[in-house]
Amino acid sequence: MNPYQVMGIIAGCTILFAGVVAFITSLGVPLLVAFLLVYLTAVWCMISMQRKANELSESRNEHLARRRLDATSVRHVRRVRVIDPETAEQDQQAINQTHLHA
């Protein structure tokens, strides 16, 4: 965003804030109470949005960690060598099933 867009957003928010305070004041609410009411409502909205963003970020990080763990476990299965010739066929079937489910 360029500086003019940022200043425009700040000016728009200031005008909106002043308009809401003026409207509440016109309903008979004292100016200080109207100011505090609008200010605290705006702070509450911002904190709520920040919490929601953090929750989404945490769930995305957990999902990526789970995918990374699955990828490393699949690589580990591929490195296993069959040593016992008697169980070689069973081990190969287990590896094939793991690759089919991954």
Protein backbone atom coordinates (compact mmCIF):
# COMPACT_ATOMS: atom_id res chain seq x y z
CA MET A 1 0.00 0.00 0.00
CA ASN A 2 1.25 3.42 -0.78
CA PRO A 3 1.25 6.23 1.82
CA TYR A 4 -1.78 7.96 0.29
CA GLN A 5 -3.89 4.83 0.71
CA VAL A 6 -2.81 4.52 4.34
CA MET A 7 -3.62 8.17 5.05
CA GLY A 8 -6.97 7.79 3.28
CA ILE A 9 -7.88 4.80 5.44
CA ILE A 10 -6.86 6.66 8.61
CA ALA A 11 -8.91 9.71 7.59
CA GLY A 12 -11.92 7.53 6.74
CA CYS A 13 -11.77 5.73 10.07
CA THR A 14 -11.45 9.05 11.92
CA ILE A 15 -14.52 10.45 10.12
CA LEU A 16 -16.49 7.27 10.83
CA PHE A 17 -15.47 7.37 14.51
CA ALA A 18 -16.48 11.03 14.83
CA GLY A 19 -19.76 10.40 13.02
CA VAL A 20 -20.73 7.51 15.31
CA VAL A 21 -19.79 9.52 18.41
CA ALA A 22 -21.85 12.48 17.12
CA PHE A 23 -24.83 10.22 16.42
CA ILE A 24 -24.72 8.66 19.89
CA THR A 25 -24.33 12.10 21.43
CA SER A 26 -27.39 13.33 19.50
CA LEU A 27 -29.39 10.56 21.19
CA GLY A 28 -28.70 12.22 24.56
CA VAL A 29 -25.67 10.24 25.72
CA PRO A 30 -22.94 12.39 27.29
CA LEU A 31 -19.96 13.03 25.00
CA LEU A 32 -17.38 11.26 27.19
CA VAL A 33 -19.58 8.16 27.54
CA ALA A 34 -20.22 8.06 23.78
CA PHE A 35 -16.51 8.45 23.07
CA LEU A 36 -15.59 5.63 25.48
CA LEU A 37 -18.36 3.40 24.16
CA VAL A 38 -17.23 3.71 20.54
CA TYR A 39 -13.55 3.44 21.48
CA LEU A 40 -14.00 0.30 23.59
CA THR A 41 -16.18 -1.29 20.90
CA ALA A 42 -13.47 -0.68 18.30
CA VAL A 43 -10.78 -2.14 20.60
CA TRP A 44 -12.96 -5.20 21.30
CA CYS A 45 -13.46 -5.76 17.54
CA MET A 46 -9.74 -5.51 16.86
CA ILE A 47 -8.85 -7.95 19.65
CA SER A 48 -11.48 -10.40 18.39
CA MET A 49 -10.10 -10.25 14.85
CA GLN A 50 -6.57 -10.76 16.16
CA ARG A 51 -7.62 -13.85 18.16
CA LYS A 52 -9.36 -15.32 15.12
CA ALA A 53 -6.28 -14.72 12.97
CA ASN A 54 -4.07 -16.40 15.58
CA GLU A 55 -6.39 -19.42 15.73
CA LEU A 56 -6.30 -19.77 11.95
CA SER A 57 -2.52 -19.42 11.93
CA GLU A 58 -2.10 -22.07 14.65
CA SER A 59 -4.37 -24.53 12.85
CA ARG A 60 -2.44 -23.96 9.60
CA ASN A 61 0.89 -24.55 11.42
CA GLU A 62 -0.45 -27.75 13.00
CA HIS A 63 -1.60 -28.96 9.59
CA LEU A 64 1.81 -28.25 8.04
CA ALA A 65 3.59 -30.00 10.93
CA ARG A 66 1.34 -33.03 10.51
CA ARG A 67 2.10 -33.15 6.77
CA ARG A 68 5.83 -32.85 7.50
CA LEU A 69 5.61 -35.70 10.03
CA ASP A 70 3.76 -37.90 7.53
CA ALA A 71 6.36 -37.20 4.86
CA THR A 72 9.26 -38.11 7.19
CA SER A 73 7.55 -41.32 8.32
CA VAL A 74 7.05 -42.36 4.68
CA ARG A 75 10.73 -41.67 3.97
CA HIS A 76 11.66 -43.77 7.01
CA VAL A 77 9.59 -46.71 5.74
CA ARG A 78 11.35 -46.55 2.38
CA ARG A 79 14.79 -46.87 4.04
CA VAL A 80 13.96 -50.11 5.89
CA ARG A 81 15.79 -53.14 4.51
CA VAL A 82 14.50 -56.67 4.84
CA ILE A 83 17.08 -58.88 6.50
CA ASP A 84 15.14 -62.03 7.35
CA PRO A 85 14.29 -63.94 4.13
CA GLU A 86 11.46 -65.87 5.86
CA THR A 87 9.49 -62.71 6.62
CA ALA A 88 10.47 -60.84 3.46
CA GLU A 89 7.11 -61.37 1.77
CA GLN A 90 5.12 -60.18 4.81
CA ASP A 91 7.37 -57.13 5.16
CA GLN A 92 6.93 -56.27 1.49
CA GLN A 93 3.13 -56.50 1.83
CA ALA A 94 3.25 -54.20 4.87
CA ILE A 95 5.35 -51.67 2.95
CA ASN A 96 2.98 -51.83 -0.04
CA GLN A 97 -0.03 -51.25 2.21
CA THR A 98 1.70 -48.27 3.82
CA HIS A 99 2.40 -46.75 0.40
CA LEU A 100 -1.19 -47.32 -0.74
CA HIS A 101 -2.64 -45.59 2.34
CA ALA A 102 -0.22 -42.64 2.27
